[in-house]
Amino acid sequence: MTRRLFLIFAGLLATSIAAQAGTISYLITVTGSNISANPGFIDMQFNQANSLTSLSATATISSFNATGYAFGSPQTSPGVTGSIASLPIIIPNDQAPANFYTQGVNTWGSSFSFLLTLSGAAVGGSAADGSTFFLSLLDNGFNPIAGSLANGAIATIDIDGSGGATAQGGSFGVGTAAIVQLPEPGNFFTSLSMLGVVALLHCRRLRRRVTNVGKPRQDSI
């Protein structure tokens, strides 16, 4: 690869990444048995730190899988759409002081997991304040079940004023929550496709030069 071709590829990669800067995805996995003998709730919230100075964004929950759980009815704040039974769940961060999806749990199982995608102006954007996604386990009185993080949560993702995201998994006595950030596939594969086109053009140019070696130059008269 020539230096010029490398510079072109680097520029294409940077452009691709910039185009995807408003989206970030995570796999969240919660494991723990005998969480509670009583029914309770799985609570997901996505809230702005300040409704006047935070940018808008949405939290999208998809690919929800659970082992051993029996679910009841969900409760949501205005503007939230979808449910565990009808994915995706979409929680906007700017519809109310608290933006939540709360899923009733009749029987606690051994694990559940889901994909979380945060997207919008707040992700990668600059503002005076950010937003936070909270995942909590609640008892039947809507009290957090021994979550080790802020507000009793078992997992949080903070979007700060610069648009950067920080994920933190916690514990709740009989289990843990793990968060893994997922790569955005569009960045890598789009850039590879662009590189292929550039490389093809470069090879055709080299072939044309080799074909023309030794041929007399025909100057225009």
N, C-alpha and C. Protein backbone atom coordinates (compact mmCIF):
# COMPACT_ATOMS: atom_id res chain seq x y z
N MET A 1 0.85 -1.20 0.00
CA MET A 1 0.00 0.00 0.00
C MET A 1 0.88 1.24 0.00
N THR A 2 0.67 2.13 -0.94
CA THR A 2 1.47 3.33 -1.00
C THR A 2 1.06 4.29 0.11
N ARG A 3 1.91 5.26 0.37
CA ARG A 3 1.62 6.24 1.41
C ARG A 3 0.36 7.02 1.07
N ARG A 4 0.19 7.34 -0.22
CA ARG A 4 -0.99 8.10 -0.63
C ARG A 4 -2.26 7.29 -0.40
N LEU A 5 -2.21 5.98 -0.73
CA LEU A 5 -3.38 5.14 -0.53
C LEU A 5 -3.70 5.01 0.95
N PHE A 6 -2.67 4.91 1.79
CA PHE A 6 -2.88 4.83 3.23
C PHE A 6 -3.55 6.09 3.76
N LEU A 7 -3.11 7.25 3.30
CA LEU A 7 -3.70 8.51 3.76
C LEU A 7 -5.17 8.61 3.33
N ILE A 8 -5.47 8.13 2.13
CA ILE A 8 -6.87 8.15 1.67
C ILE A 8 -7.72 7.25 2.56
N PHE A 9 -7.20 6.05 2.88
CA PHE A 9 -7.93 5.13 3.74
C PHE A 9 -8.15 5.71 5.12
N ALA A 10 -7.13 6.35 5.68
CA ALA A 10 -7.26 6.96 7.01
C ALA A 10 -8.33 8.04 7.01
N GLY A 11 -8.37 8.82 5.95
CA GLY A 11 -9.39 9.86 5.86
C GLY A 11 -10.79 9.28 5.76
N LEU A 12 -10.94 8.21 4.98
CA LEU A 12 -12.24 7.56 4.86
C LEU A 12 -12.68 6.96 6.18
N LEU A 13 -11.75 6.35 6.92
CA LEU A 13 -12.08 5.77 8.22
C LEU A 13 -12.52 6.84 9.20
N ALA A 14 -11.81 7.97 9.22
CA ALA A 14 -12.18 9.05 10.12
C ALA A 14 -13.56 9.60 9.79
N THR A 15 -13.86 9.71 8.50
CA THR A 15 -15.17 10.20 8.08
C THR A 15 -16.27 9.24 8.49
N SER A 16 -16.00 7.94 8.34
CA SER A 16 -16.99 6.93 8.72
C SER A 16 -17.26 6.95 10.20
N ILE A 17 -16.21 7.05 11.01
CA ILE A 17 -16.38 7.10 12.46
C ILE A 17 -17.15 8.34 12.87
N ALA A 18 -16.84 9.48 12.26
CA ALA A 18 -17.54 10.71 12.58
C ALA A 18 -19.02 10.61 12.27
N ALA A 19 -19.34 9.91 11.19
CA ALA A 19 -20.74 9.78 10.80
C ALA A 19 -21.52 8.95 11.81
N GLN A 20 -20.83 8.03 12.55
CA GLN A 20 -21.49 7.17 13.50
C GLN A 20 -21.33 7.68 14.94
N ALA A 21 -20.83 8.89 15.13
CA ALA A 21 -20.50 9.37 16.46
C ALA A 21 -21.72 9.51 17.35
N GLY A 22 -22.94 9.60 16.81
CA GLY A 22 -24.13 9.79 17.61
C GLY A 22 -24.77 8.49 18.06
N THR A 23 -24.07 7.36 18.00
CA THR A 23 -24.63 6.07 18.41
C THR A 23 -23.58 5.26 19.15
N ILE A 24 -24.01 4.63 20.26
CA ILE A 24 -23.12 3.75 21.00
C ILE A 24 -23.96 2.61 21.56
N SER A 25 -23.42 1.38 21.52
CA SER A 25 -24.20 0.19 21.90
C SER A 25 -23.47 -0.64 22.96
N TYR A 26 -24.28 -1.31 23.80
CA TYR A 26 -23.74 -2.14 24.88
C TYR A 26 -24.55 -3.43 24.99
N LEU A 27 -23.86 -4.50 25.42
CA LEU A 27 -24.53 -5.72 25.85
C LEU A 27 -24.50 -5.72 27.37
N ILE A 28 -25.67 -5.78 27.98
CA ILE A 28 -25.80 -5.78 29.44
C ILE A 28 -26.31 -7.15 29.87
N THR A 29 -25.58 -7.80 30.78
CA THR A 29 -25.94 -9.13 31.27
C THR A 29 -26.02 -9.11 32.78
N VAL A 30 -27.17 -9.56 33.32
CA VAL A 30 -27.40 -9.60 34.76
C VAL A 30 -27.53 -11.07 35.17
N THR A 31 -26.70 -11.49 36.11
CA THR A 31 -26.75 -12.87 36.61
C THR A 31 -26.93 -12.84 38.12
N GLY A 32 -27.73 -13.79 38.64
CA GLY A 32 -27.96 -13.89 40.07
C GLY A 32 -29.19 -14.71 40.37
N SER A 33 -29.08 -15.67 41.26
CA SER A 33 -30.21 -16.52 41.59
C SER A 33 -30.82 -16.11 42.92
N ASN A 34 -32.09 -16.45 43.11
CA ASN A 34 -32.80 -16.15 44.35
C ASN A 34 -32.72 -14.66 44.72
N ILE A 35 -32.95 -13.81 43.72
CA ILE A 35 -32.89 -12.37 43.95
C ILE A 35 -33.90 -11.96 45.01
N SER A 36 -35.10 -12.49 44.91
CA SER A 36 -36.13 -12.20 45.89
C SER A 36 -37.19 -13.29 45.84
N ALA A 37 -37.78 -13.58 47.01
CA ALA A 37 -38.86 -14.56 47.05
C ALA A 37 -40.18 -13.93 46.64
N ASN A 38 -40.22 -12.61 46.61
CA ASN A 38 -41.44 -11.88 46.30
C ASN A 38 -41.37 -11.28 44.90
N PRO A 39 -42.53 -11.01 44.29
CA PRO A 39 -42.52 -10.31 43.00
C PRO A 39 -41.85 -8.95 43.12
N GLY A 40 -41.41 -8.42 41.97
CA GLY A 40 -40.77 -7.12 41.96
C GLY A 40 -40.75 -6.55 40.57
N PHE A 41 -39.68 -5.79 40.24
CA PHE A 41 -39.64 -5.09 38.97
C PHE A 41 -38.20 -4.97 38.47
N ILE A 42 -38.05 -4.97 37.14
CA ILE A 42 -36.81 -4.53 36.48
C ILE A 42 -37.08 -3.12 35.98
N ASP A 43 -36.28 -2.18 36.42
CA ASP A 43 -36.52 -0.78 36.11
C ASP A 43 -35.40 -0.22 35.25
N MET A 44 -35.76 0.42 34.12
CA MET A 44 -34.81 1.08 33.23
C MET A 44 -35.20 2.54 33.11
N GLN A 45 -34.26 3.44 33.38
CA GLN A 45 -34.52 4.87 33.27
C GLN A 45 -33.43 5.53 32.42
N PHE A 46 -33.83 6.57 31.68
CA PHE A 46 -32.87 7.35 30.90
C PHE A 46 -33.25 8.82 31.07
N ASN A 47 -32.49 9.53 31.88
CA ASN A 47 -32.88 10.87 32.31
C ASN A 47 -31.80 11.91 32.03
N GLN A 48 -32.24 13.11 31.68
CA GLN A 48 -31.34 14.23 31.54
C GLN A 48 -30.94 14.75 32.91
N ALA A 49 -29.70 15.23 33.03
CA ALA A 49 -29.27 15.85 34.27
C ALA A 49 -29.97 17.20 34.47
N ASN A 50 -30.25 17.89 33.38
CA ASN A 50 -30.91 19.19 33.44
C ASN A 50 -31.72 19.36 32.16
N SER A 51 -33.02 19.52 32.29
CA SER A 51 -33.88 19.60 31.10
C SER A 51 -33.60 20.84 30.26
N LEU A 52 -32.96 21.85 30.84
CA LEU A 52 -32.67 23.08 30.10
C LEU A 52 -31.33 23.04 29.38
N THR A 53 -30.39 22.25 29.91
CA THR A 53 -29.02 22.31 29.37
C THR A 53 -28.49 20.96 28.89
N SER A 54 -29.30 19.89 28.94
CA SER A 54 -28.89 18.59 28.40
C SER A 54 -29.48 18.40 27.01
N LEU A 55 -28.75 17.69 26.16
CA LEU A 55 -29.23 17.41 24.81
C LEU A 55 -30.12 16.16 24.80
N SER A 56 -30.94 16.05 23.77
CA SER A 56 -31.87 14.92 23.67
C SER A 56 -31.16 13.67 23.16
N ALA A 57 -31.71 12.52 23.52
CA ALA A 57 -31.21 11.22 23.06
C ALA A 57 -32.27 10.17 23.38
N THR A 58 -32.09 8.98 22.84
CA THR A 58 -32.99 7.87 23.14
C THR A 58 -32.20 6.64 23.53
N ALA A 59 -32.79 5.83 24.41
CA ALA A 59 -32.24 4.53 24.77
C ALA A 59 -33.13 3.47 24.14
N THR A 60 -32.54 2.61 23.32
CA THR A 60 -33.30 1.55 22.64
C THR A 60 -32.86 0.20 23.18
N ILE A 61 -33.81 -0.56 23.72
CA ILE A 61 -33.55 -1.88 24.27
C ILE A 61 -34.05 -2.92 23.28
N SER A 62 -33.19 -3.86 22.89
CA SER A 62 -33.56 -4.90 21.94
C SER A 62 -32.92 -6.22 22.37
N SER A 63 -33.30 -7.30 21.68
CA SER A 63 -32.73 -8.64 21.94
C SER A 63 -32.74 -8.99 23.42
N PHE A 64 -33.89 -8.82 24.06
CA PHE A 64 -34.01 -9.14 25.49
C PHE A 64 -34.21 -10.64 25.66
N ASN A 65 -33.33 -11.25 26.46
CA ASN A 65 -33.41 -12.69 26.73
C ASN A 65 -33.33 -12.93 28.24
N ALA A 66 -34.16 -13.85 28.74
CA ALA A 66 -34.19 -14.14 30.17
C ALA A 66 -34.27 -15.64 30.40
N THR A 67 -33.65 -16.09 31.51
CA THR A 67 -33.68 -17.50 31.89
C THR A 67 -34.34 -17.64 33.25
N GLY A 68 -35.47 -18.36 33.29
CA GLY A 68 -36.14 -18.64 34.54
C GLY A 68 -37.08 -17.56 35.04
N TYR A 69 -37.25 -16.49 34.28
CA TYR A 69 -38.11 -15.39 34.71
C TYR A 69 -39.54 -15.61 34.26
N ALA A 70 -40.49 -15.14 35.06
CA ALA A 70 -41.89 -15.03 34.67
C ALA A 70 -42.29 -13.57 34.85
N PHE A 71 -42.70 -12.94 33.76
CA PHE A 71 -42.95 -11.50 33.78
C PHE A 71 -44.43 -11.17 33.93
N GLY A 72 -44.68 -10.03 34.57
CA GLY A 72 -46.02 -9.49 34.67
C GLY A 72 -46.20 -8.37 33.68
N SER A 73 -46.94 -7.33 34.09
CA SER A 73 -47.23 -6.21 33.21
C SER A 73 -46.17 -5.11 33.35
N PRO A 74 -45.91 -4.35 32.28
CA PRO A 74 -44.98 -3.23 32.37
C PRO A 74 -45.70 -1.93 32.75
N GLN A 75 -44.92 -0.99 33.26
CA GLN A 75 -45.38 0.38 33.50
C GLN A 75 -44.38 1.32 32.83
N THR A 76 -44.87 2.38 32.21
CA THR A 76 -43.98 3.30 31.49
C THR A 76 -44.37 4.74 31.75
N SER A 77 -43.42 5.62 31.52
CA SER A 77 -43.70 7.05 31.54
C SER A 77 -44.15 7.49 30.15
N PRO A 78 -44.77 8.68 30.01
CA PRO A 78 -45.23 9.14 28.69
C PRO A 78 -44.07 9.21 27.69
N GLY A 79 -44.35 8.82 26.45
CA GLY A 79 -43.35 8.88 25.39
C GLY A 79 -42.56 7.61 25.19
N VAL A 80 -42.63 6.67 26.15
CA VAL A 80 -41.91 5.40 26.02
C VAL A 80 -42.76 4.43 25.21
N THR A 81 -42.14 3.74 24.26
CA THR A 81 -42.86 2.78 23.42
C THR A 81 -42.22 1.40 23.50
N GLY A 82 -43.02 0.37 23.16
CA GLY A 82 -42.53 -0.99 23.15
C GLY A 82 -42.59 -1.65 24.51
N SER A 83 -42.24 -2.94 24.54
CA SER A 83 -42.22 -3.71 25.77
C SER A 83 -41.32 -4.92 25.56
N ILE A 84 -41.08 -5.68 26.63
CA ILE A 84 -40.29 -6.90 26.50
C ILE A 84 -40.98 -7.88 25.54
N ALA A 85 -42.31 -7.87 25.56
CA ALA A 85 -43.05 -8.76 24.67
C ALA A 85 -43.16 -8.21 23.25
N SER A 86 -42.87 -6.94 23.07
CA SER A 86 -42.97 -6.29 21.76
C SER A 86 -41.81 -5.32 21.58
N LEU A 87 -40.63 -5.88 21.33
CA LEU A 87 -39.41 -5.08 21.19
C LEU A 87 -39.40 -4.33 19.87
N PRO A 88 -38.65 -3.22 19.78
CA PRO A 88 -37.76 -2.67 20.80
C PRO A 88 -38.51 -1.77 21.79
N ILE A 89 -37.88 -1.57 22.94
CA ILE A 89 -38.34 -0.57 23.90
C ILE A 89 -37.54 0.70 23.64
N ILE A 90 -38.22 1.82 23.47
CA ILE A 90 -37.53 3.09 23.20
C ILE A 90 -37.88 4.08 24.31
N ILE A 91 -36.83 4.55 24.99
CA ILE A 91 -37.01 5.48 26.10
C ILE A 91 -36.33 6.80 25.73
N PRO A 92 -37.09 7.86 25.42
CA PRO A 92 -36.47 9.17 25.19
C PRO A 92 -36.09 9.80 26.53
N ASN A 93 -35.02 10.58 26.53
CA ASN A 93 -34.55 11.15 27.80
C ASN A 93 -35.18 12.49 28.15
N ASP A 94 -36.08 13.01 27.31
CA ASP A 94 -36.55 14.38 27.53
C ASP A 94 -38.08 14.50 27.52
N GLN A 95 -38.79 13.44 27.87
CA GLN A 95 -40.25 13.49 27.87
C GLN A 95 -40.82 13.90 29.22
N ALA A 96 -40.10 13.66 30.28
CA ALA A 96 -40.60 13.94 31.62
C ALA A 96 -39.41 13.98 32.58
N PRO A 97 -39.63 14.44 33.85
CA PRO A 97 -38.52 14.44 34.82
C PRO A 97 -37.92 13.05 34.99
N ALA A 98 -38.77 11.99 34.95
CA ALA A 98 -38.27 10.62 34.99
C ALA A 98 -38.80 9.89 33.76
N ASN A 99 -37.90 9.30 33.00
CA ASN A 99 -38.26 8.58 31.78
C ASN A 99 -37.96 7.11 32.03
N PHE A 100 -39.00 6.28 32.17
CA PHE A 100 -38.75 4.93 32.64
C PHE A 100 -39.59 3.88 31.92
N TYR A 101 -39.04 2.66 31.90
CA TYR A 101 -39.77 1.44 31.55
C TYR A 101 -39.56 0.49 32.72
N THR A 102 -40.65 0.11 33.39
CA THR A 102 -40.58 -0.74 34.57
C THR A 102 -41.34 -2.03 34.29
N GLN A 103 -40.62 -3.13 34.24
CA GLN A 103 -41.20 -4.43 33.90
C GLN A 103 -41.52 -5.22 35.16
N GLY A 104 -42.79 -5.61 35.33
CA GLY A 104 -43.16 -6.43 36.46
C GLY A 104 -42.56 -7.82 36.38
N VAL A 105 -42.07 -8.33 37.51
CA VAL A 105 -41.48 -9.66 37.59
C VAL A 105 -42.28 -10.48 38.60
N ASN A 106 -42.92 -11.56 38.15
CA ASN A 106 -43.64 -12.45 39.05
C ASN A 106 -42.72 -13.47 39.69
N THR A 107 -41.76 -13.97 38.90
CA THR A 107 -40.78 -14.94 39.40
C THR A 107 -39.39 -14.53 38.93
N TRP A 108 -38.46 -14.43 39.86
CA TRP A 108 -37.09 -14.07 39.50
C TRP A 108 -36.35 -15.30 38.99
N GLY A 109 -35.60 -15.12 37.90
CA GLY A 109 -34.83 -16.21 37.32
C GLY A 109 -33.35 -16.09 37.63
N SER A 110 -32.54 -16.75 36.81
CA SER A 110 -31.09 -16.78 37.05
C SER A 110 -30.33 -15.74 36.26
N SER A 111 -30.89 -15.26 35.13
CA SER A 111 -30.15 -14.27 34.34
C SER A 111 -31.06 -13.61 33.31
N PHE A 112 -30.67 -12.42 32.89
CA PHE A 112 -31.28 -11.79 31.72
C PHE A 112 -30.25 -10.89 31.07
N SER A 113 -30.45 -10.64 29.78
CA SER A 113 -29.52 -9.79 29.04
C SER A 113 -30.29 -9.05 27.96
N PHE A 114 -29.69 -7.94 27.49
CA PHE A 114 -30.31 -7.18 26.41
C PHE A 114 -29.26 -6.29 25.76
N LEU A 115 -29.57 -5.86 24.55
CA LEU A 115 -28.75 -4.88 23.85
C LEU A 115 -29.31 -3.49 24.12
N LEU A 116 -28.42 -2.58 24.46
CA LEU A 116 -28.81 -1.19 24.70
C LEU A 116 -28.08 -0.29 23.71
N THR A 117 -28.83 0.51 22.97
CA THR A 117 -28.23 1.47 22.04
C THR A 117 -28.65 2.88 22.44
N LEU A 118 -27.68 3.72 22.70
CA LEU A 118 -27.92 5.13 23.00
C LEU A 118 -27.61 5.94 21.75
N SER A 119 -28.54 6.78 21.35
CA SER A 119 -28.34 7.55 20.12
C SER A 119 -28.99 8.91 20.25
N GLY A 120 -28.48 9.86 19.46
CA GLY A 120 -29.04 11.20 19.46
C GLY A 120 -27.98 12.26 19.68
N ALA A 121 -28.44 13.49 19.80
CA ALA A 121 -27.53 14.63 19.89
C ALA A 121 -26.63 14.57 21.13
N ALA A 122 -27.12 14.00 22.23
CA ALA A 122 -26.34 13.96 23.46
C ALA A 122 -25.11 13.07 23.34
N VAL A 123 -25.16 12.06 22.45
CA VAL A 123 -24.03 11.14 22.27
C VAL A 123 -23.05 11.76 21.28
N GLY A 124 -21.93 12.19 21.80
CA GLY A 124 -20.93 12.85 20.95
C GLY A 124 -21.10 14.35 20.86
N GLY A 125 -22.19 14.90 21.42
CA GLY A 125 -22.43 16.34 21.37
C GLY A 125 -21.92 17.04 22.62
N SER A 126 -21.80 18.35 22.53
CA SER A 126 -21.28 19.15 23.64
C SER A 126 -22.41 19.97 24.26
N ALA A 127 -22.55 19.87 25.58
CA ALA A 127 -23.60 20.60 26.29
C ALA A 127 -23.14 20.84 27.73
N ALA A 128 -23.88 21.70 28.44
CA ALA A 128 -23.51 21.99 29.83
C ALA A 128 -23.73 20.78 30.73
N ASP A 129 -24.73 19.95 30.41
CA ASP A 129 -25.04 18.78 31.22
C ASP A 129 -25.31 17.58 30.33
N GLY A 130 -25.25 16.39 30.93
CA GLY A 130 -25.43 15.17 30.18
C GLY A 130 -26.69 14.42 30.58
N SER A 131 -26.65 13.09 30.43
CA SER A 131 -27.78 12.21 30.75
C SER A 131 -27.23 10.91 31.31
N THR A 132 -28.10 10.15 31.99
CA THR A 132 -27.68 8.87 32.56
C THR A 132 -28.75 7.81 32.36
N PHE A 133 -28.30 6.61 31.96
CA PHE A 133 -29.17 5.44 31.89
C PHE A 133 -28.95 4.63 33.16
N PHE A 134 -30.05 4.27 33.84
CA PHE A 134 -30.00 3.47 35.06
C PHE A 134 -30.72 2.14 34.84
N LEU A 135 -30.12 1.06 35.32
CA LEU A 135 -30.79 -0.24 35.39
C LEU A 135 -30.85 -0.64 36.85
N SER A 136 -32.07 -0.90 37.35
CA SER A 136 -32.26 -1.23 38.76
C SER A 136 -33.20 -2.42 38.91
N LEU A 137 -33.05 -3.15 40.00
CA LEU A 137 -33.98 -4.19 40.40
C LEU A 137 -34.75 -3.67 41.60
N LEU A 138 -36.08 -3.76 41.56
CA LEU A 138 -36.92 -3.18 42.60
C LEU A 138 -37.75 -4.27 43.27
N ASP A 139 -38.04 -4.06 44.58
CA ASP A 139 -38.96 -4.97 45.26
C ASP A 139 -40.40 -4.56 44.96
N ASN A 140 -41.37 -5.24 45.57
CA ASN A 140 -42.76 -4.93 45.25
C ASN A 140 -43.23 -3.61 45.82
N GLY A 141 -42.37 -2.93 46.57
CA GLY A 141 -42.67 -1.58 47.04
C GLY A 141 -41.91 -0.52 46.25
N PHE A 142 -41.30 -0.92 45.11
CA PHE A 142 -40.53 -0.04 44.22
C PHE A 142 -39.26 0.50 44.88
N ASN A 143 -38.71 -0.25 45.82
CA ASN A 143 -37.45 0.11 46.45
C ASN A 143 -36.31 -0.69 45.81
N PRO A 144 -35.15 -0.06 45.57
CA PRO A 144 -34.03 -0.79 44.96
C PRO A 144 -33.61 -1.99 45.80
N ILE A 145 -33.30 -3.11 45.13
CA ILE A 145 -32.83 -4.31 45.81
C ILE A 145 -31.31 -4.27 45.88
N ALA A 146 -30.80 -3.58 46.88
CA ALA A 146 -29.38 -3.62 47.24
C ALA A 146 -28.43 -3.37 46.08
N GLY A 147 -28.78 -2.49 45.15
CA GLY A 147 -27.85 -2.14 44.09
C GLY A 147 -26.68 -1.35 44.64
N SER A 148 -25.47 -1.61 44.11
CA SER A 148 -24.26 -1.01 44.68
C SER A 148 -23.91 0.36 44.09
N LEU A 149 -24.64 0.80 43.06
CA LEU A 149 -24.30 2.05 42.39
C LEU A 149 -25.25 3.17 42.82
N ALA A 150 -25.10 4.34 42.20
CA ALA A 150 -25.90 5.51 42.55
C ALA A 150 -27.39 5.21 42.44
N ASN A 151 -28.15 5.70 43.40
CA ASN A 151 -29.61 5.52 43.46
C ASN A 151 -30.02 4.05 43.53
N GLY A 152 -29.13 3.19 44.01
CA GLY A 152 -29.44 1.78 44.14
C GLY A 152 -29.42 1.01 42.84
N ALA A 153 -28.85 1.57 41.78
CA ALA A 153 -28.82 0.91 40.48
C ALA A 153 -27.79 -0.23 40.47
N ILE A 154 -27.97 -1.16 39.52
CA ILE A 154 -26.97 -2.23 39.35
C ILE A 154 -26.12 -1.99 38.11
N ALA A 155 -26.51 -1.04 37.26
CA ALA A 155 -25.70 -0.67 36.09
C ALA A 155 -26.07 0.76 35.70
N THR A 156 -25.07 1.52 35.31
CA THR A 156 -25.31 2.90 34.86
C THR A 156 -24.43 3.19 33.65
N ILE A 157 -24.93 4.08 32.79
CA ILE A 157 -24.13 4.60 31.68
C ILE A 157 -24.33 6.11 31.68
N ASP A 158 -23.25 6.83 31.93
CA ASP A 158 -23.29 8.29 32.00
C ASP A 158 -22.81 8.88 30.68
N ILE A 159 -23.59 9.80 30.13
CA ILE A 159 -23.14 10.62 29.00
C ILE A 159 -22.82 11.99 29.57
N ASP A 160 -21.56 12.39 29.52
CA ASP A 160 -21.17 13.65 30.13
C ASP A 160 -21.41 14.81 29.17
N GLY A 161 -21.06 16.02 29.63
CA GLY A 161 -21.30 17.22 28.84
C GLY A 161 -20.54 17.27 27.53
N SER A 162 -19.46 16.50 27.42
CA SER A 162 -18.69 16.46 26.18
C SER A 162 -19.21 15.41 25.21
N GLY A 163 -20.23 14.65 25.63
CA GLY A 163 -20.80 13.62 24.76
C GLY A 163 -20.18 12.26 24.91
N GLY A 164 -19.17 12.12 25.80
CA GLY A 164 -18.56 10.82 26.03
C GLY A 164 -19.38 9.98 26.97
N ALA A 165 -19.26 8.66 26.86
CA ALA A 165 -20.05 7.74 27.68
C ALA A 165 -19.15 6.90 28.58
N THR A 166 -19.59 6.72 29.83
CA THR A 166 -18.88 5.88 30.79
C THR A 166 -19.85 4.86 31.36
N ALA A 167 -19.56 3.57 31.17
CA ALA A 167 -20.43 2.50 31.63
C ALA A 167 -19.86 1.88 32.90
N GLN A 168 -20.77 1.50 33.81
CA GLN A 168 -20.35 0.90 35.07
C GLN A 168 -21.34 -0.18 35.47
N GLY A 169 -20.83 -1.41 35.65
CA GLY A 169 -21.63 -2.50 36.15
C GLY A 169 -21.42 -2.68 37.63
N GLY A 170 -22.48 -3.07 38.36
CA GLY A 170 -22.37 -3.20 39.80
C GLY A 170 -22.86 -4.55 40.28
N SER A 171 -23.11 -4.64 41.59
CA SER A 171 -23.57 -5.88 42.19
C SER A 171 -24.82 -5.60 43.02
N PHE A 172 -25.50 -6.69 43.42
CA PHE A 172 -26.70 -6.52 44.24
C PHE A 172 -26.81 -7.66 45.25
N GLY A 173 -25.69 -8.04 45.83
CA GLY A 173 -25.69 -9.02 46.90
C GLY A 173 -25.63 -10.45 46.41
N VAL A 174 -26.57 -10.87 45.56
CA VAL A 174 -26.59 -12.26 45.07
C VAL A 174 -26.24 -12.35 43.60
N GLY A 175 -25.77 -11.27 43.01
CA GLY A 175 -25.45 -11.30 41.58
C GLY A 175 -24.72 -10.06 41.13
N THR A 176 -24.48 -9.99 39.82
CA THR A 176 -23.74 -8.88 39.23
C THR A 176 -24.36 -8.47 37.90
N ALA A 177 -24.01 -7.28 37.48
CA ALA A 177 -24.38 -6.78 36.16
C ALA A 177 -23.10 -6.45 35.41
N ALA A 178 -22.95 -7.00 34.21
CA ALA A 178 -21.76 -6.76 33.39
C ALA A 178 -22.16 -5.99 32.14
N ILE A 179 -21.32 -5.04 31.74
CA ILE A 179 -21.59 -4.21 30.56
C ILE A 179 -20.40 -4.33 29.61
N VAL A 180 -20.68 -4.65 28.35
CA VAL A 180 -19.65 -4.74 27.33
C VAL A 180 -20.04 -3.81 26.19
N GLN A 181 -19.15 -2.86 25.86
CA GLN A 181 -19.42 -1.96 24.73
C GLN A 181 -19.20 -2.72 23.43
N LEU A 182 -20.12 -2.55 22.50
CA LEU A 182 -20.05 -3.24 21.21
C LEU A 182 -19.52 -2.31 20.13
N PRO A 183 -18.71 -2.83 19.21
CA PRO A 183 -18.25 -1.99 18.09
C PRO A 183 -19.39 -1.67 17.17
N GLU A 184 -19.31 -0.51 16.53
CA GLU A 184 -20.31 -0.13 15.53
C GLU A 184 -19.87 -0.70 14.19
N PRO A 185 -20.54 -1.73 13.67
CA PRO A 185 -20.06 -2.42 12.47
C PRO A 185 -19.98 -1.53 11.25
N GLY A 186 -20.79 -0.51 11.18
CA GLY A 186 -20.78 0.36 10.01
C GLY A 186 -19.45 1.05 9.80
N ASN A 187 -18.77 1.38 10.92
CA ASN A 187 -17.49 2.08 10.80
C ASN A 187 -16.47 1.25 10.03
N PHE A 188 -16.29 -0.01 10.49
CA PHE A 188 -15.23 -0.83 9.93
C PHE A 188 -15.54 -1.29 8.51
N PHE A 189 -16.74 -1.84 8.30
CA PHE A 189 -17.04 -2.42 7.00
C PHE A 189 -17.26 -1.36 5.93
N THR A 190 -17.81 -0.22 6.31
CA THR A 190 -17.94 0.85 5.33
C THR A 190 -16.57 1.32 4.87
N SER A 191 -15.65 1.43 5.82
CA SER A 191 -14.30 1.88 5.47
C SER A 191 -13.60 0.85 4.59
N LEU A 192 -13.80 -0.45 4.88
CA LEU A 192 -13.18 -1.48 4.04
C LEU A 192 -13.72 -1.42 2.62
N SER A 193 -15.02 -1.18 2.47
CA SER A 193 -15.61 -1.08 1.14
C SER A 193 -15.01 0.10 0.39
N MET A 194 -14.88 1.22 1.08
CA MET A 194 -14.29 2.40 0.45
C MET A 194 -12.84 2.12 0.05
N LEU A 195 -12.11 1.42 0.93
CA LEU A 195 -10.73 1.10 0.63
C LEU A 195 -10.64 0.22 -0.61
N GLY A 196 -11.56 -0.73 -0.76
CA GLY A 196 -11.56 -1.60 -1.92
C GLY A 196 -11.72 -0.83 -3.21
N VAL A 197 -12.62 0.16 -3.21
CA VAL A 197 -12.82 0.98 -4.41
C VAL A 197 -11.56 1.77 -4.74
N VAL A 198 -10.95 2.38 -3.70
CA VAL A 198 -9.74 3.16 -3.92
C VAL A 198 -8.61 2.28 -4.43
N ALA A 199 -8.47 1.07 -3.83
CA ALA A 199 -7.40 0.15 -4.26
C ALA A 199 -7.60 -0.29 -5.70
N LEU A 200 -8.85 -0.56 -6.10
CA LEU A 200 -9.14 -0.96 -7.47
C LEU A 200 -8.76 0.13 -8.45
N LEU A 201 -9.11 1.35 -8.13
CA LEU A 201 -8.74 2.46 -9.01
C LEU A 201 -7.23 2.62 -9.10
N HIS A 202 -6.57 2.43 -7.95
CA HIS A 202 -5.10 2.57 -7.93
C HIS A 202 -4.45 1.48 -8.79
N CYS A 203 -4.97 0.23 -8.69
CA CYS A 203 -4.40 -0.86 -9.50
C CYS A 203 -4.61 -0.64 -10.98
N ARG A 204 -5.76 -0.13 -11.36
CA ARG A 204 -6.03 0.16 -12.77
C ARG A 204 -5.08 1.22 -13.29
N ARG A 205 -4.77 2.20 -12.43
CA ARG A 205 -3.85 3.25 -12.85
C ARG A 205 -2.45 2.68 -13.05
N LEU A 206 -2.01 1.78 -12.13
CA LEU A 206 -0.69 1.17 -12.26
C LEU A 206 -0.62 0.29 -13.51
N ARG A 207 -1.69 -0.45 -13.80
CA ARG A 207 -1.72 -1.31 -14.98
C ARG A 207 -1.61 -0.49 -16.25
N ARG A 208 -2.27 0.67 -16.28
CA ARG A 208 -2.22 1.53 -17.45
C ARG A 208 -0.80 2.06 -17.67
N ARG A 209 -0.11 2.36 -16.53
CA ARG A 209 1.26 2.85 -16.65
C ARG A 209 2.18 1.76 -17.20
N VAL A 210 2.02 0.51 -16.69
CA VAL A 210 2.87 -0.59 -17.16
C VAL A 210 2.61 -0.88 -18.63
N THR A 211 1.36 -0.82 -19.05
CA THR A 211 1.01 -1.08 -20.45
C THR A 211 1.64 -0.06 -21.38
N ASN A 212 1.78 1.16 -20.90
CA ASN A 212 2.29 2.25 -21.74
C ASN A 212 3.81 2.36 -21.73
N VAL A 213 4.49 1.52 -20.91
CA VAL A 213 5.95 1.61 -20.85
C VAL A 213 6.53 1.20 -22.21
N GLY A 214 7.46 2.01 -22.74
CA GLY A 214 8.13 1.71 -24.00
C GLY A 214 7.41 2.19 -25.23
N LYS A 215 6.19 2.62 -25.08
CA LYS A 215 5.47 3.12 -26.25
C LYS A 215 5.91 4.54 -26.54
N PRO A 216 6.07 4.88 -27.82
CA PRO A 216 6.48 6.25 -28.16
C PRO A 216 5.40 7.22 -27.78
N ARG A 217 5.80 8.35 -27.28
CA ARG A 217 4.86 9.39 -26.89
C ARG A 217 4.33 10.07 -28.15
N GLN A 218 3.00 10.24 -28.20
CA GLN A 218 2.38 10.89 -29.34
C GLN A 218 1.95 12.29 -28.92
N ASP A 219 2.84 13.23 -29.24
CA ASP A 219 2.51 14.63 -28.93
C ASP A 219 1.53 15.18 -29.93
N SER A 220 0.65 15.98 -29.47
CA SER A 220 -0.30 16.61 -30.36
C SER A 220 0.39 17.64 -31.23
N ILE A 221 -0.07 17.75 -32.48
CA ILE A 221 0.54 18.70 -33.43
C ILE A 221 -0.33 19.93 -33.49
